C-alpha atoms as a PDB file:
ATOM      1  CA  UNK A   1       0.025   0.015  -0.013  1.00  0.00           C
ATOM      2  CA  UNK A   2       1.323   3.403  -0.908  1.00  0.00           C
ATOM      3  CA  UNK A   3      -0.515   5.840   1.402  1.00  0.00           C
ATOM      4  CA  UNK A   4       1.145   9.216   1.788  1.00  0.00           C
ATOM      5  CA  UNK A   5      -0.820   9.863   5.026  1.00  0.00           C
ATOM      6  CA  UNK A   6       1.221   9.766   8.171  1.00  0.00           C
ATOM      7  CA  UNK A   7      -0.490   8.423  11.251  1.00  0.00           C
ATOM      8  CA  UNK A   8      -0.082  10.031  14.642  1.00  0.00           C
ATOM      9  CA  UNK A   9      -0.579  13.768  14.976  1.00  0.00           C
ATOM     10  CA  UNK A  10      -2.863  16.204  13.206  1.00  0.00           C
ATOM     11  CA  UNK A  11      -3.103  16.200   9.398  1.00  0.00           C
ATOM     12  CA  UNK A  12      -5.172  19.431   9.300  1.00  0.00           C
ATOM     13  CA  UNK A  13      -4.113  21.726   6.489  1.00  0.00           C
ATOM     14  CA  UNK A  14      -1.711  19.171   5.047  1.00  0.00           C
ATOM     15  CA  UNK A  15      -1.905  18.025   1.437  1.00  0.00           C
ATOM     16  CA  UNK A  16      -1.810  14.302   0.976  1.00  0.00           C
ATOM     17  CA  UNK A  17      -1.030  12.718  -2.390  1.00  0.00           C
ATOM     18  CA  UNK A  18      -2.577   9.462  -3.356  1.00  0.00           C
ATOM     19  CA  UNK A  19      -0.529   7.770  -6.102  1.00  0.00           C
ATOM     20  CA  UNK A  20      -0.423  10.642  -8.593  1.00  0.00           C
ATOM     21  CA  UNK A  21       2.545   9.179 -10.472  1.00  0.00           C
ATOM     22  CA  UNK A  22       0.936   5.751 -11.089  1.00  0.00           C
ATOM     23  CA  UNK A  23      -1.877   7.196 -13.170  1.00  0.00           C
ATOM     24  CA  UNK A  24       0.250   9.579 -15.203  1.00  0.00           C
ATOM     25  CA  UNK A  25      -2.336  12.288 -14.559  1.00  0.00           C
ATOM     26  CA  UNK A  26      -1.898  15.503 -12.570  1.00  0.00           C
ATOM     27  CA  UNK A  27      -3.191  15.265  -8.990  1.00  0.00           C
ATOM     28  CA  UNK A  28      -6.701  16.458  -8.529  1.00  0.00           C
ATOM     29  CA  UNK A  29      -6.877  18.872  -5.621  1.00  0.00           C
ATOM     30  CA  UNK A  30      -9.710  18.166  -3.197  1.00  0.00           C
ATOM     31  CA  UNK A  31     -10.590  19.006   0.403  1.00  0.00           C
ATOM     32  CA  UNK A  32     -10.854  16.139   2.767  1.00  0.00           C
ATOM     33  CA  UNK A  33     -12.940  16.407   5.949  1.00  0.00           C
ATOM     34  CA  UNK A  34     -12.255  13.075   7.744  1.00  0.00           C
ATOM     35  CA  UNK A  35     -14.960  13.645  10.239  1.00  0.00           C
ATOM     36  CA  UNK A  36     -15.086  12.130  13.739  1.00  0.00           C
ATOM     37  CA  UNK A  37     -15.973   8.832  15.286  1.00  0.00           C
ATOM     38  CA  UNK A  38     -15.567   6.230  12.559  1.00  0.00           C
ATOM     39  CA  UNK A  39     -15.121   8.875   9.759  1.00  0.00           C
ATOM     40  CA  UNK A  40     -11.298   8.769   9.665  1.00  0.00           C
ATOM     41  CA  UNK A  41     -11.351   4.953   9.616  1.00  0.00           C
ATOM     42  CA  UNK A  42     -13.811   4.991   6.727  1.00  0.00           C
ATOM     43  CA  UNK A  43     -11.607   7.398   4.886  1.00  0.00           C
ATOM     44  CA  UNK A  44      -8.646   5.025   5.257  1.00  0.00           C
ATOM     45  CA  UNK A  45     -10.748   2.351   3.470  1.00  0.00           C
ATOM     46  CA  UNK A  46     -11.766   4.909   0.776  1.00  0.00           C
ATOM     47  CA  UNK A  47      -8.116   5.840   0.292  1.00  0.00           C
ATOM     48  CA  UNK A  48      -7.211   2.220  -0.345  1.00  0.00           C
ATOM     49  CA  UNK A  49      -9.926   1.992  -2.999  1.00  0.00           C
ATOM     50  CA  UNK A  50      -8.702   5.203  -4.679  1.00  0.00           C
ATOM     51  CA  UNK A  51      -5.133   3.847  -4.671  1.00  0.00           C
ATOM     52  CA  UNK A  52      -6.243   0.571  -6.349  1.00  0.00           C
ATOM     53  CA  UNK A  53      -8.084   2.586  -8.950  1.00  0.00           C
ATOM     54  CA  UNK A  54      -5.047   4.747  -9.396  1.00  0.00           C
ATOM     55  CA  UNK A  55      -7.059   7.924  -8.830  1.00  0.00           C
ATOM     56  CA  UNK A  56      -4.611  10.808  -8.356  1.00  0.00           C
ATOM     57  CA  UNK A  57      -5.919  13.000  -5.527  1.00  0.00           C
ATOM     58  CA  UNK A  58      -3.976  15.594  -3.573  1.00  0.00           C
ATOM     59  CA  UNK A  59      -5.990  15.957  -0.346  1.00  0.00           C
ATOM     60  CA  UNK A  60      -6.056  19.209   1.654  1.00  0.00           C
ATOM     61  CA  UNK A  61      -7.025  17.805   4.992  1.00  0.00           C
ATOM     62  CA  UNK A  62      -9.365  20.030   7.024  1.00  0.00           C
ATOM     63  CA  UNK A  63     -11.559  19.604  10.058  1.00  0.00           C
ATOM     64  CA  UNK A  64     -15.239  20.269  10.552  1.00  0.00           C
ATOM     65  CA  UNK A  65     -14.683  21.813  14.004  1.00  0.00           C
ATOM     66  CA  UNK A  66     -15.962  20.666  17.318  1.00  0.00           C
ATOM     67  CA  UNK A  67     -19.280  19.541  15.922  1.00  0.00           C
ATOM     68  CA  UNK A  68     -22.495  20.466  17.688  1.00  0.00           C
ATOM     69  CA  UNK A  69     -20.826  22.967  20.139  1.00  0.00           C
ATOM     70  CA  UNK A  70     -19.380  24.932  17.145  1.00  0.00           C
ATOM     71  CA  UNK A  71     -22.765  24.927  15.400  1.00  0.00           C
ATOM     72  CA  UNK A  72     -24.585  26.291  18.423  1.00  0.00           C
ATOM     73  CA  UNK A  73     -22.061  29.111  18.829  1.00  0.00           C
ATOM     74  CA  UNK A  74     -21.589  30.053  15.152  1.00  0.00           C
ATOM     75  CA  UNK A  75     -24.429  28.479  13.145  1.00  0.00           C
ATOM     76  CA  UNK A  76     -21.883  26.443  11.073  1.00  0.00           C
ATOM     77  CA  UNK A  77     -20.048  23.227  11.553  1.00  0.00           C
ATOM     78  CA  UNK A  78     -17.147  24.367   9.283  1.00  0.00           C
ATOM     79  CA  UNK A  79     -14.364  26.639  10.343  1.00  0.00           C
ATOM     80  CA  UNK A  80     -13.451  29.436   7.967  1.00  0.00           C
ATOM     81  CA  UNK A  81     -10.221  27.607   6.904  1.00  0.00           C
ATOM     82  CA  UNK A  82     -12.253  24.564   5.805  1.00  0.00           C
ATOM     83  CA  UNK A  83     -14.685  26.717   3.845  1.00  0.00           C
ATOM     84  CA  UNK A  84     -11.724  28.464   2.117  1.00  0.00           C
ATOM     85  CA  UNK A  85     -10.282  25.151   1.151  1.00  0.00           C
ATOM     86  CA  UNK A  86     -13.568  23.920  -0.308  1.00  0.00           C
ATOM     87  CA  UNK A  87     -13.945  27.139  -2.281  1.00  0.00           C
ATOM     88  CA  UNK A  88     -10.322  26.794  -3.593  1.00  0.00           C
ATOM     89  CA  UNK A  89     -10.451  23.108  -4.560  1.00  0.00           C
ATOM     90  CA  UNK A  90     -14.185  23.098  -5.617  1.00  0.00           C
ATOM     91  CA  UNK A  91     -14.260  19.428  -4.527  1.00  0.00           C
ATOM     92  CA  UNK A  92     -14.673  17.920  -1.099  1.00  0.00           C
ATOM     93  CA  UNK A  93     -15.060  14.514   0.456  1.00  0.00           C
ATOM     94  CA  UNK A  94     -16.539  14.563   3.970  1.00  0.00           C
ATOM     95  CA  UNK A  95     -16.401  11.684   6.398  1.00  0.00           C
ATOM     96  CA  UNK A  96     -19.040  10.956   8.975  1.00  0.00           C
ATOM     97  CA  UNK A  97     -19.670  13.637  11.599  1.00  0.00           C
ATOM     98  CA  UNK A  98     -21.576  13.503  14.897  1.00  0.00           C
ATOM     99  CA  UNK A  99     -25.159  14.397  14.391  1.00  0.00           C
ATOM    100  CA  UNK A 100     -27.313  15.621  17.318  1.00  0.00           C
ATOM    101  CA  UNK A 101     -30.325  13.427  17.922  1.00  0.00           C
ATOM    102  CA  UNK A 102     -33.753  15.080  17.562  1.00  0.00           C
ATOM    103  CA  UNK A 103     -34.597  18.722  17.132  1.00  0.00           C
ATOM    104  CA  UNK A 104     -34.969  21.099  14.247  1.00  0.00           C
ATOM    105  CA  UNK A 105     -31.488  21.405  12.779  1.00  0.00           C
END
């Protein structure tokens, strides 16, 4: 397996390349929001699939913030840096995020 992702520590704001040289194509810039809970684990599986398909992504890893607490204080789950990354790359893959149970959100 040829994952460029380093385990241990924060990947926020770091660009991760997934086999760009194997496909011969230029890497496709995309924002990755790994999520929380099982979200990062699911992304690891997705990354393996992308590698096997030789899809050349350059991930700009961003966070969705502290979830429900952030939403209640700012009416958004996404920090400004994450929104800027999405606007720049025009492509995002979001992992699972904690969702509050019940209520009108």
